[in-house]
Amino acid sequence: MTGAGSLLPVVVLAAALMIRAAIGELRRPGSVRRQWACATSGPAVASGVVAAVAVAATGWSQAGAVALAWAVLAGALVAFLVGRPTDRP
């Protein structure tokens, strides 16, 4: 399935993440900045780029350019998980 129909889940997931971040920011100001501090962490960014390249390379033959949207989403989520502080309860 290629085309705009397969891009819809990516858009829905990205919107859900943005809504979640906005609600968290309203409840605790500054929480989004702390959560996404991984954007400045070298290992987190490197792992996110590796994941994005892997998803794009494997998905290009099946989905074409839509694989790039999935790759960006996957890379961002991997960077977020790798960059999370380990001292969380």
Protein backbone atom coordinates (compact mmCIF):
# COMPACT_ATOMS: atom_id res chain seq x y z
CA MET A 1 0.00 0.00 0.00
CA THR A 2 1.68 3.19 -1.12
CA GLY A 3 0.41 6.70 -1.32
CA ALA A 4 -1.35 9.08 1.02
CA GLY A 5 -3.35 6.32 2.73
CA SER A 6 -0.26 4.76 4.25
CA LEU A 7 0.95 8.14 5.46
CA LEU A 8 -2.12 8.63 7.65
CA PRO A 9 -0.93 6.42 10.57
CA VAL A 10 2.33 8.39 10.73
CA VAL A 11 0.43 11.66 10.92
CA VAL A 12 -1.91 10.28 13.59
CA LEU A 13 1.01 9.04 15.72
CA ALA A 14 2.89 12.33 15.38
CA ALA A 15 -0.24 14.27 16.34
CA ALA A 16 -0.79 12.02 19.36
CA LEU A 17 2.78 12.62 20.52
CA MET A 18 2.39 16.38 20.12
CA ILE A 19 -0.91 16.38 22.03
CA ARG A 20 0.66 14.30 24.79
CA ALA A 21 3.57 16.73 25.02
CA ALA A 22 1.25 19.74 25.07
CA ILE A 23 -0.88 18.31 27.87
CA GLY A 24 2.24 17.44 29.87
CA GLU A 25 3.58 20.96 29.37
CA LEU A 26 0.31 22.46 30.61
CA ARG A 27 0.41 20.31 33.73
CA ARG A 28 4.12 20.79 34.48
CA PRO A 29 5.79 23.70 32.69
CA GLY A 30 9.25 22.76 31.41
CA SER A 31 8.52 19.04 31.25
CA VAL A 32 8.82 18.83 27.46
CA ARG A 33 12.24 20.43 27.53
CA ARG A 34 13.41 17.83 30.04
CA GLN A 35 11.81 14.94 28.13
CA TRP A 36 13.29 15.89 24.78
CA ALA A 37 16.74 16.79 26.11
CA CYS A 38 17.88 13.75 24.14
CA ALA A 39 18.06 16.00 21.09
CA THR A 40 21.39 17.27 22.43
CA SER A 41 22.71 13.89 23.54
CA GLY A 42 25.26 12.46 21.10
CA PRO A 43 24.53 8.75 21.66
CA ALA A 44 20.77 9.31 21.46
CA VAL A 45 21.00 11.25 18.21
CA ALA A 46 23.37 8.68 16.72
CA SER A 47 21.07 5.79 17.60
CA GLY A 48 18.09 7.69 16.21
CA VAL A 49 19.89 8.31 12.92
CA VAL A 50 20.90 4.64 12.67
CA ALA A 51 17.30 3.56 13.30
CA ALA A 52 15.97 6.05 10.76
CA VAL A 53 18.42 4.90 8.09
CA ALA A 54 17.58 1.25 8.80
CA VAL A 55 13.83 1.86 8.50
CA ALA A 56 14.25 3.94 5.34
CA ALA A 57 16.55 1.41 3.72
CA THR A 58 14.34 -1.57 4.46
CA GLY A 59 11.05 0.15 3.78
CA TRP A 60 11.94 1.99 0.57
CA SER A 61 11.28 -1.01 -1.69
CA GLN A 62 7.82 -1.57 -0.17
CA ALA A 63 6.52 1.92 0.58
CA GLY A 64 8.67 4.30 -1.45
CA ALA A 65 8.81 7.84 -0.14
CA VAL A 66 6.33 7.08 2.66
CA ALA A 67 9.11 5.04 4.27
CA LEU A 68 10.92 8.32 4.95
CA ALA A 69 8.06 9.53 7.15
CA TRP A 70 8.13 6.26 9.09
CA ALA A 71 11.91 6.51 9.33
CA VAL A 72 11.77 9.98 10.86
CA LEU A 73 9.16 8.87 13.37
CA ALA A 74 11.11 5.73 14.29
CA GLY A 75 14.36 7.69 14.61
CA ALA A 76 12.75 10.26 16.90
CA LEU A 77 11.25 7.58 19.12
CA VAL A 78 14.52 5.65 19.37
CA ALA A 79 16.43 8.84 20.22
CA PHE A 80 13.83 9.64 22.86
CA LEU A 81 14.15 6.21 24.46
CA VAL A 82 17.95 6.12 24.37
CA GLY A 83 18.24 9.66 25.75
CA ARG A 84 15.89 9.14 28.69
CA PRO A 85 17.44 9.67 32.09
CA THR A 86 17.92 6.42 34.00
CA ASP A 87 17.09 7.87 37.42
CA ARG A 88 13.35 8.03 36.76
CA PRO A 89 11.07 6.23 39.23
